[in-house]
Amino acid sequence: MNRQPWHMAVLIPARNEEQLLPRCLESIAAAIALLLPAEVTADVVIAVDRSSDRTLEIARRMIHGRGVAITTQSGIVGRARGLAARTALGRYRGALSRCWLANTDADSSVPAYWMTDHLQLASENVEAIAGTVDVDSFEEHSNVVAERFRSSYVMSPNGSHPHVHGANLGVRADAYLRAGGWKSIATAEDHDLWNRLEKTGANRISISRLRVLISGRRVGRAPHGFADTLAAHNEVAA
């Protein structure tokens, strides 16, 4: 008997991302295009959080019936991610064990095989995936920051790694709910969820080849987020 097809929901928080959101959504559309409709359905949920620019307009224009753009005024990235997840699960009617929540950020660009790679691991009974990131440009930083970032961004010889990024984190819906979902916190919400997944016994994997390109901007949207971590290399270099 055939199993129920997989469902993949891509969750994207966005705040004042009119410049970079189009790149993100174009990359998501390309990734969706490689999925086999008979085997997997897809949905995209963009949580536009306290934006004052054209982010919502762009999101609704580009979504092309593949999902939904919702709004919040929380100003807390964990809460925005949680709202996106609740919305996605509310739009899904199948078994939670066949629903994959693929998280990224509005300043990111995912590779074409990002969703198929997540799905392959999900099909092998992996319940949570932590991928890696690379930076699109270091032009806002001093000329030694790229080297300092890459030398400090450690990987294990076996392909595993210690990094956790909301820009590249996947979790099966039933495991996500058992762990309590995204918490309403303004920073390190990705590490918080990852750690709670471990406590519930979720089958987690960190894999370096699943890489997402993210903005190298010096000032980010979340306090003490990746942008701040990257910017700190300038101080070391000074």
Foldseek 3Di string as FASTA:
>chain_A
DDDDAAEEEEEEEDAQLPPQQVQALVLVVLQVVPDDVVRYAYEYEYEYEQHDDCVQVVCVVSCVPRYDYHYYDLLAVLVSRQVRLVVVVVVDDDDLLRYKYWFAYSQWHFHNNLVVVVVVVSVVVAFKEAEAEDEPDQVQADPCLNVVVVVPQDADPVFFGDDHDRRGMMGRRVLCVVLPHFDRHQPPSRVSSVVSSVVVVGRYTYGHVRYMYGYQDCDDSTPPYPSVVSNVVRVVVD
